[in-house]
Amino acid sequence: MNILNTIRLTLTDLRQTVHVRYGGGVRGYAEFFYISLLRTNTFIIFVTKSTGCSVYLPDPESLSFTRNDHKRLNEFRQSRDLPKEFYCDQTHDAHDFILGFWEGEVAYIHWIFHENAKTRFLKIGEDCAEIGYMVTLPEFRGNKICSHALTHTVQALCSEGVRSIFCVVHDKNIASIKAVKRAGFRESGKSRTLGPFNMRHDVTSEAVQRSRPSAQ
């Protein structure tokens, strides 16, 4: 991961990131910096197994998904300011992603990390994957797009032989917690952070284990 590039993109897209997460304004910026740099936070590690592929949510007619449509993603990034989740290929060396479309407009993105990847919280083991950096743009919220995107991705990963799929969600992010549970994920552990510092956990198809400190 290019740390300088991560910092540059974070600062470039800070306004939109704060707006999407905290609503913008002075209070939004204060909350963002407090949570990101000063507060002790708890993140919940969720998992679904290959048996969870039976979870099915019929997609609304307005909703569709594409995987790794780099052309559409790059065009969309040039059209408006976006939160940092739309740039994980540049900040986290991610290459596998799902775009969600509501009535033909880009509404959602998440990224998929595979075996041997090291994300902020997880070191991903054999037959495992992590879905992370999920975000629904504000104007499309309330349509359960995240849950549908997760089930869509879980089905695809299971068909590719992945046995365990993880998501990590802040324990105060109630909307995302509901979304991952609706998609068939269950809690398997927790990770606590102090600002950008936290332990990284080794995850296998059988267990979640604490590994070594990481910072992001």
C-alpha atoms as a PDB file:
ATOM      1  CA  MET A   1       0.000   0.000   0.000  1.00  0.00           C
ATOM      2  CA  ASN A   2       1.301   3.460  -0.915  1.00  0.00           C
ATOM      3  CA  ILE A   3       0.892   5.393   2.361  1.00  0.00           C
ATOM      4  CA  LEU A   4       1.544   8.807   0.797  1.00  0.00           C
ATOM      5  CA  ASN A   5      -1.021   8.120  -1.904  1.00  0.00           C
ATOM      6  CA  THR A   6      -3.511   7.001   0.748  1.00  0.00           C
ATOM      7  CA  ILE A   7      -3.019  10.256   2.677  1.00  0.00           C
ATOM      8  CA  ARG A   8      -3.318  12.329  -0.497  1.00  0.00           C
ATOM      9  CA  LEU A   9      -6.576  10.693  -1.568  1.00  0.00           C
ATOM     10  CA  THR A  10      -7.986  10.815   1.965  1.00  0.00           C
ATOM     11  CA  LEU A  11      -7.381  14.570   2.133  1.00  0.00           C
ATOM     12  CA  THR A  12      -8.656  15.096  -1.420  1.00  0.00           C
ATOM     13  CA  ASP A  13     -11.925  13.277  -0.708  1.00  0.00           C
ATOM     14  CA  LEU A  14     -12.243  14.307   2.938  1.00  0.00           C
ATOM     15  CA  ARG A  15     -15.219  16.603   2.444  1.00  0.00           C
ATOM     16  CA  GLN A  16     -17.287  13.952   0.693  1.00  0.00           C
ATOM     17  CA  THR A  17     -16.208  11.218   3.110  1.00  0.00           C
ATOM     18  CA  VAL A  18     -17.274  13.326   6.099  1.00  0.00           C
ATOM     19  CA  HIS A  19     -20.544  14.214   4.380  1.00  0.00           C
ATOM     20  CA  VAL A  20     -21.391  10.570   3.620  1.00  0.00           C
ATOM     21  CA  ARG A  21     -20.489   9.293   7.093  1.00  0.00           C
ATOM     22  CA  TYR A  22     -21.378  12.145   9.434  1.00  0.00           C
ATOM     23  CA  GLY A  23     -23.464  14.648   7.519  1.00  0.00           C
ATOM     24  CA  GLY A  24     -20.841  17.344   7.004  1.00  0.00           C
ATOM     25  CA  GLY A  25     -20.575  20.687   8.758  1.00  0.00           C
ATOM     26  CA  VAL A  26     -18.323  21.575  11.693  1.00  0.00           C
ATOM     27  CA  ARG A  27     -19.914  18.885  13.865  1.00  0.00           C
ATOM     28  CA  GLY A  28     -19.331  16.261  11.170  1.00  0.00           C
ATOM     29  CA  TYR A  29     -15.635  17.144  10.848  1.00  0.00           C
ATOM     30  CA  ALA A  30     -15.208  17.142  14.637  1.00  0.00           C
ATOM     31  CA  GLU A  31     -16.820  13.714  14.930  1.00  0.00           C
ATOM     32  CA  PHE A  32     -14.731  12.342  12.056  1.00  0.00           C
ATOM     33  CA  PHE A  33     -11.399  13.438  13.566  1.00  0.00           C
ATOM     34  CA  TYR A  34     -12.380  12.378  17.078  1.00  0.00           C
ATOM     35  CA  ILE A  35     -13.411   8.881  16.010  1.00  0.00           C
ATOM     36  CA  SER A  36     -10.535   8.451  13.548  1.00  0.00           C
ATOM     37  CA  LEU A  37      -7.690   9.715  15.737  1.00  0.00           C
ATOM     38  CA  LEU A  38      -8.615   9.816  19.411  1.00  0.00           C
ATOM     39  CA  ARG A  39     -11.431   7.517  20.439  1.00  0.00           C
ATOM     40  CA  THR A  40     -11.251   3.849  21.374  1.00  0.00           C
ATOM     41  CA  ASN A  41     -13.523   2.069  18.907  1.00  0.00           C
ATOM     42  CA  THR A  42     -14.913  -1.443  18.675  1.00  0.00           C
ATOM     43  CA  PHE A  43     -15.359  -3.241  15.384  1.00  0.00           C
ATOM     44  CA  ILE A  44     -17.368  -6.438  14.991  1.00  0.00           C
ATOM     45  CA  ILE A  45     -15.979  -9.229  12.815  1.00  0.00           C
ATOM     46  CA  PHE A  46     -18.802 -11.005  10.977  1.00  0.00           C
ATOM     47  CA  VAL A  47     -18.535 -14.245   9.010  1.00  0.00           C
ATOM     48  CA  THR A  48     -20.696 -16.381   6.780  1.00  0.00           C
ATOM     49  CA  LYS A  49     -19.765 -19.900   5.730  1.00  0.00           C
ATOM     50  CA  SER A  50     -20.275 -21.626   2.405  1.00  0.00           C
ATOM     51  CA  THR A  51     -23.471 -23.087   3.877  1.00  0.00           C
ATOM     52  CA  GLY A  52     -24.711 -19.506   4.132  1.00  0.00           C
ATOM     53  CA  CYS A  53     -24.935 -19.341   0.360  1.00  0.00           C
ATOM     54  CA  SER A  54     -28.527 -20.508   0.725  1.00  0.00           C
ATOM     55  CA  VAL A  55     -29.447 -16.958   1.869  1.00  0.00           C
ATOM     56  CA  TYR A  56     -31.291 -15.348  -1.025  1.00  0.00           C
ATOM     57  CA  LEU A  57     -32.773 -11.883  -1.353  1.00  0.00           C
ATOM     58  CA  PRO A  58     -34.620 -11.286  -4.634  1.00  0.00           C
ATOM     59  CA  ASP A  59     -33.279  -8.094  -6.189  1.00  0.00           C
ATOM     60  CA  PRO A  60     -35.722  -5.253  -6.912  1.00  0.00           C
ATOM     61  CA  GLU A  61     -36.151  -4.445 -10.595  1.00  0.00           C
ATOM     62  CA  SER A  62     -34.392  -1.115 -10.042  1.00  0.00           C
ATOM     63  CA  LEU A  63     -31.225  -2.803  -8.742  1.00  0.00           C
ATOM     64  CA  SER A  64     -28.374  -4.379 -10.690  1.00  0.00           C
ATOM     65  CA  PHE A  65     -24.713  -5.218 -10.105  1.00  0.00           C
ATOM     66  CA  THR A  66     -21.496  -5.488 -12.080  1.00  0.00           C
ATOM     67  CA  ARG A  67     -18.140  -6.895 -10.981  1.00  0.00           C
ATOM     68  CA  ASN A  68     -14.829  -5.247 -11.821  1.00  0.00           C
ATOM     69  CA  ASP A  69     -16.265  -2.742 -14.302  1.00  0.00           C
ATOM     70  CA  HIS A  70     -13.201  -0.487 -14.196  1.00  0.00           C
ATOM     71  CA  LYS A  71     -14.351   1.618 -17.127  1.00  0.00           C
ATOM     72  CA  ARG A  72     -17.648   2.520 -15.446  1.00  0.00           C
ATOM     73  CA  LEU A  73     -15.931   3.157 -12.108  1.00  0.00           C
ATOM     74  CA  ASN A  74     -13.344   5.498 -13.629  1.00  0.00           C
ATOM     75  CA  GLU A  75     -16.012   7.399 -15.548  1.00  0.00           C
ATOM     76  CA  PHE A  76     -18.065   7.812 -12.373  1.00  0.00           C
ATOM     77  CA  ARG A  77     -15.059   9.009 -10.367  1.00  0.00           C
ATOM     78  CA  GLN A  78     -14.506  11.762 -12.922  1.00  0.00           C
ATOM     79  CA  SER A  79     -18.128  12.916 -12.749  1.00  0.00           C
ATOM     80  CA  ARG A  80     -18.416  13.924  -9.059  1.00  0.00           C
ATOM     81  CA  ASP A  81     -16.753  14.033  -5.655  1.00  0.00           C
ATOM     82  CA  LEU A  82     -16.871  10.646  -3.938  1.00  0.00           C
ATOM     83  CA  PRO A  83     -15.948   9.188  -0.538  1.00  0.00           C
ATOM     84  CA  LYS A  84     -12.702   7.286  -0.131  1.00  0.00           C
ATOM     85  CA  GLU A  85     -14.405   3.893  -0.492  1.00  0.00           C
ATOM     86  CA  PHE A  86     -14.497   4.481  -4.245  1.00  0.00           C
ATOM     87  CA  TYR A  87     -10.676   4.623  -4.433  1.00  0.00           C
ATOM     88  CA  CYS A  88      -9.517   1.431  -2.714  1.00  0.00           C
ATOM     89  CA  ASP A  89      -7.687   0.298  -5.844  1.00  0.00           C
ATOM     90  CA  GLN A  90      -5.431   3.318  -5.374  1.00  0.00           C
ATOM     91  CA  THR A  91      -5.124   3.252  -1.579  1.00  0.00           C
ATOM     92  CA  HIS A  92      -5.352  -0.424  -0.596  1.00  0.00           C
ATOM     93  CA  ASP A  93      -4.120  -2.305  -3.672  1.00  0.00           C
ATOM     94  CA  ALA A  94      -7.612  -3.759  -4.134  1.00  0.00           C
ATOM     95  CA  HIS A  95      -8.666  -5.086  -7.515  1.00  0.00           C
ATOM     96  CA  ASP A  96     -11.952  -6.965  -7.052  1.00  0.00           C
ATOM     97  CA  PHE A  97     -15.085  -4.881  -6.524  1.00  0.00           C
ATOM     98  CA  ILE A  98     -18.841  -4.780  -6.942  1.00  0.00           C
ATOM     99  CA  LEU A  99     -20.723  -1.756  -8.214  1.00  0.00           C
ATOM    100  CA  GLY A 100     -24.410  -1.460  -7.429  1.00  0.00           C
ATOM    101  CA  PHE A 101     -26.746   0.465  -9.721  1.00  0.00           C
ATOM    102  CA  TRP A 102     -30.156   1.867  -8.830  1.00  0.00           C
ATOM    103  CA  GLU A 103     -32.202   2.621 -11.958  1.00  0.00           C
ATOM    104  CA  GLY A 104     -28.960   2.710 -13.942  1.00  0.00           C
ATOM    105  CA  GLU A 105     -27.104   5.109 -11.648  1.00  0.00           C
ATOM    106  CA  VAL A 106     -24.087   4.102  -9.552  1.00  0.00           C
ATOM    107  CA  ALA A 107     -25.357   3.857  -5.983  1.00  0.00           C
ATOM    108  CA  TYR A 108     -23.009   1.529  -4.099  1.00  0.00           C
ATOM    109  CA  ILE A 109     -19.564  -0.060  -3.979  1.00  0.00           C
ATOM    110  CA  HIS A 110     -17.692  -2.661  -1.969  1.00  0.00           C
ATOM    111  CA  TRP A 111     -14.327  -4.362  -2.376  1.00  0.00           C
ATOM    112  CA  ILE A 112     -13.317  -8.008  -2.068  1.00  0.00           C
ATOM    113  CA  PHE A 113     -10.001  -9.081  -0.550  1.00  0.00           C
ATOM    114  CA  HIS A 114      -8.756 -12.620  -1.147  1.00  0.00           C
ATOM    115  CA  GLU A 115      -6.384 -15.170   0.379  1.00  0.00           C
ATOM    116  CA  ASN A 116      -3.069 -13.735   1.685  1.00  0.00           C
ATOM    117  CA  ALA A 117      -4.363 -10.161   1.611  1.00  0.00           C
ATOM    118  CA  LYS A 118      -3.727  -8.037   4.694  1.00  0.00           C
ATOM    119  CA  THR A 119      -6.492  -5.547   5.366  1.00  0.00           C
ATOM    120  CA  ARG A 120      -6.728  -3.186   8.311  1.00  0.00           C
ATOM    121  CA  PHE A 121      -8.189  -5.828  10.624  1.00  0.00           C
ATOM    122  CA  LEU A 122      -7.600  -9.204   8.971  1.00  0.00           C
ATOM    123  CA  LYS A 123      -4.870 -11.389   7.541  1.00  0.00           C
ATOM    124  CA  ILE A 124      -6.890 -13.551   5.204  1.00  0.00           C
ATOM    125  CA  GLY A 125      -6.238 -17.280   5.180  1.00  0.00           C
ATOM    126  CA  GLU A 126      -6.842 -20.112   2.746  1.00  0.00           C
ATOM    127  CA  ASP A 127     -10.351 -20.420   1.259  1.00  0.00           C
ATOM    128  CA  CYS A 128     -11.348 -17.096   2.843  1.00  0.00           C
ATOM    129  CA  ALA A 129     -12.254 -13.612   1.624  1.00  0.00           C
ATOM    130  CA  GLU A 130     -13.235 -10.294   3.163  1.00  0.00           C
ATOM    131  CA  ILE A 131     -15.845  -7.866   1.846  1.00  0.00           C
ATOM    132  CA  GLY A 132     -14.948  -4.361   2.950  1.00  0.00           C
ATOM    133  CA  TYR A 133     -15.193  -0.627   2.337  1.00  0.00           C
ATOM    134  CA  MET A 134     -18.923  -0.845   1.731  1.00  0.00           C
ATOM    135  CA  VAL A 135     -20.757   2.387   1.055  1.00  0.00           C
ATOM    136  CA  THR A 136     -24.154   3.364  -0.305  1.00  0.00           C
ATOM    137  CA  LEU A 137     -24.365   6.939  -1.564  1.00  0.00           C
ATOM    138  CA  PRO A 138     -26.759   9.008   0.599  1.00  0.00           C
ATOM    139  CA  GLU A 139     -29.391   9.593  -2.063  1.00  0.00           C
ATOM    140  CA  PHE A 140     -29.893   5.832  -2.517  1.00  0.00           C
ATOM    141  CA  ARG A 141     -30.083   4.738   1.116  1.00  0.00           C
ATOM    142  CA  GLY A 142     -33.181   2.991   2.414  1.00  0.00           C
ATOM    143  CA  ASN A 143     -33.311   0.483  -0.445  1.00  0.00           C
ATOM    144  CA  LYS A 144     -31.311  -2.301   1.309  1.00  0.00           C
ATOM    145  CA  ILE A 145     -28.739  -2.159  -1.494  1.00  0.00           C
ATOM    146  CA  CYS A 146     -25.907  -3.282   0.797  1.00  0.00           C
ATOM    147  CA  SER A 147     -27.698  -6.477   1.846  1.00  0.00           C
ATOM    148  CA  HIS A 148     -28.457  -7.367  -1.754  1.00  0.00           C
ATOM    149  CA  ALA A 149     -24.873  -6.631  -2.795  1.00  0.00           C
ATOM    150  CA  LEU A 150     -23.514  -8.839  -0.014  1.00  0.00           C
ATOM    151  CA  THR A 151     -25.728 -11.802  -0.884  1.00  0.00           C
ATOM    152  CA  HIS A 152     -24.850 -11.350  -4.568  1.00  0.00           C
ATOM    153  CA  THR A 153     -21.130 -11.429  -3.719  1.00  0.00           C
ATOM    154  CA  VAL A 154     -21.403 -14.311  -1.257  1.00  0.00           C
ATOM    155  CA  GLN A 155     -23.117 -16.428  -3.913  1.00  0.00           C
ATOM    156  CA  ALA A 156     -20.356 -15.627  -6.401  1.00  0.00           C
ATOM    157  CA  LEU A 157     -17.511 -16.316  -3.962  1.00  0.00           C
ATOM    158  CA  CYS A 158     -19.012 -19.604  -2.809  1.00  0.00           C
ATOM    159  CA  SER A 159     -19.243 -20.736  -6.423  1.00  0.00           C
ATOM    160  CA  GLU A 160     -15.522 -19.945  -6.707  1.00  0.00           C
ATOM    161  CA  GLY A 161     -14.669 -22.225  -3.778  1.00  0.00           C
ATOM    162  CA  VAL A 162     -14.426 -19.678  -0.951  1.00  0.00           C
ATOM    163  CA  ARG A 163     -15.513 -21.303   2.325  1.00  0.00           C
ATOM    164  CA  SER A 164     -15.603 -18.346   4.745  1.00  0.00           C
ATOM    165  CA  ILE A 165     -16.407 -14.723   3.967  1.00  0.00           C
ATOM    166  CA  PHE A 166     -15.809 -11.937   6.495  1.00  0.00           C
ATOM    167  CA  CYS A 167     -17.008  -8.369   7.020  1.00  0.00           C
ATOM    168  CA  VAL A 168     -15.771  -5.940   9.688  1.00  0.00           C
ATOM    169  CA  VAL A 169     -18.208  -3.265  10.860  1.00  0.00           C
ATOM    170  CA  HIS A 170     -17.998  -0.502  13.501  1.00  0.00           C
ATOM    171  CA  ASP A 171     -20.253  -1.405  16.408  1.00  0.00           C
ATOM    172  CA  LYS A 172     -22.032   1.975  16.170  1.00  0.00           C
ATOM    173  CA  ASN A 173     -22.825   1.536  12.471  1.00  0.00           C
ATOM    174  CA  ILE A 174     -26.290   0.126  13.042  1.00  0.00           C
ATOM    175  CA  ALA A 175     -27.349   0.288   9.383  1.00  0.00           C
ATOM    176  CA  SER A 176     -24.366  -1.792   8.236  1.00  0.00           C
ATOM    177  CA  ILE A 177     -24.804  -4.280  11.083  1.00  0.00           C
ATOM    178  CA  LYS A 178     -28.418  -4.823  10.032  1.00  0.00           C
ATOM    179  CA  ALA A 179     -27.336  -5.168   6.409  1.00  0.00           C
ATOM    180  CA  VAL A 180     -24.703  -7.857   7.037  1.00  0.00           C
ATOM    181  CA  LYS A 181     -27.025  -9.794   9.355  1.00  0.00           C
ATOM    182  CA  ARG A 182     -29.795  -9.629   6.771  1.00  0.00           C
ATOM    183  CA  ALA A 183     -27.317 -11.115   4.284  1.00  0.00           C
ATOM    184  CA  GLY A 184     -26.673 -14.107   6.544  1.00  0.00           C
ATOM    185  CA  PHE A 185     -23.521 -13.059   8.415  1.00  0.00           C
ATOM    186  CA  ARG A 186     -23.064 -13.791  12.127  1.00  0.00           C
ATOM    187  CA  GLU A 187     -20.729 -12.275  14.706  1.00  0.00           C
ATOM    188  CA  SER A 188     -17.459 -14.184  15.171  1.00  0.00           C
ATOM    189  CA  GLY A 189     -15.229 -11.763  17.095  1.00  0.00           C
ATOM    190  CA  LYS A 190     -14.358  -8.165  17.899  1.00  0.00           C
ATOM    191  CA  SER A 191     -11.412  -5.863  17.349  1.00  0.00           C
ATOM    192  CA  ARG A 192     -10.710  -2.735  19.387  1.00  0.00           C
ATOM    193  CA  THR A 193      -8.808   0.259  18.113  1.00  0.00           C
ATOM    194  CA  LEU A 194      -7.214   3.405  19.480  1.00  0.00           C
ATOM    195  CA  GLY A 195      -7.514   5.909  16.673  1.00  0.00           C
ATOM    196  CA  PRO A 196      -5.737   4.305  13.686  1.00  0.00           C
ATOM    197  CA  PHE A 197      -4.029   1.570  15.753  1.00  0.00           C
ATOM    198  CA  ASN A 198      -5.398  -1.948  16.192  1.00  0.00           C
ATOM    199  CA  MET A 199      -4.536  -5.625  16.256  1.00  0.00           C
ATOM    200  CA  ARG A 200      -4.738  -7.588  13.025  1.00  0.00           C
ATOM    201  CA  HIS A 201      -6.453 -10.980  13.222  1.00  0.00           C
ATOM    202  CA  ASP A 202      -5.542 -14.150  11.353  1.00  0.00           C
ATOM    203  CA  VAL A 203      -8.711 -15.601   9.834  1.00  0.00           C
ATOM    204  CA  THR A 204      -9.108 -19.102   8.467  1.00  0.00           C
ATOM    205  CA  SER A 205     -12.149 -21.091   7.429  1.00  0.00           C
ATOM    206  CA  GLU A 206     -12.222 -22.428  10.995  1.00  0.00           C
ATOM    207  CA  ALA A 207     -11.329 -19.555  13.332  1.00  0.00           C
ATOM    208  CA  VAL A 208     -10.465 -15.920  14.011  1.00  0.00           C
ATOM    209  CA  GLN A 209      -7.211 -15.425  15.926  1.00  0.00           C
ATOM    210  CA  ARG A 210      -5.454 -12.295  17.150  1.00  0.00           C
ATOM    211  CA  SER A 211      -2.210 -11.633  15.297  1.00  0.00           C
ATOM    212  CA  ARG A 212      -0.094  -8.484  15.398  1.00  0.00           C
ATOM    213  CA  PRO A 213      -0.664  -4.716  15.692  1.00  0.00           C
ATOM    214  CA  SER A 214      -1.365  -2.702  12.577  1.00  0.00           C
ATOM    215  CA  ALA A 215      -1.969   0.956  11.878  1.00  0.00           C
ATOM    216  CA  GLN A 216      -3.985   2.725   9.232  1.00  0.00           C
END
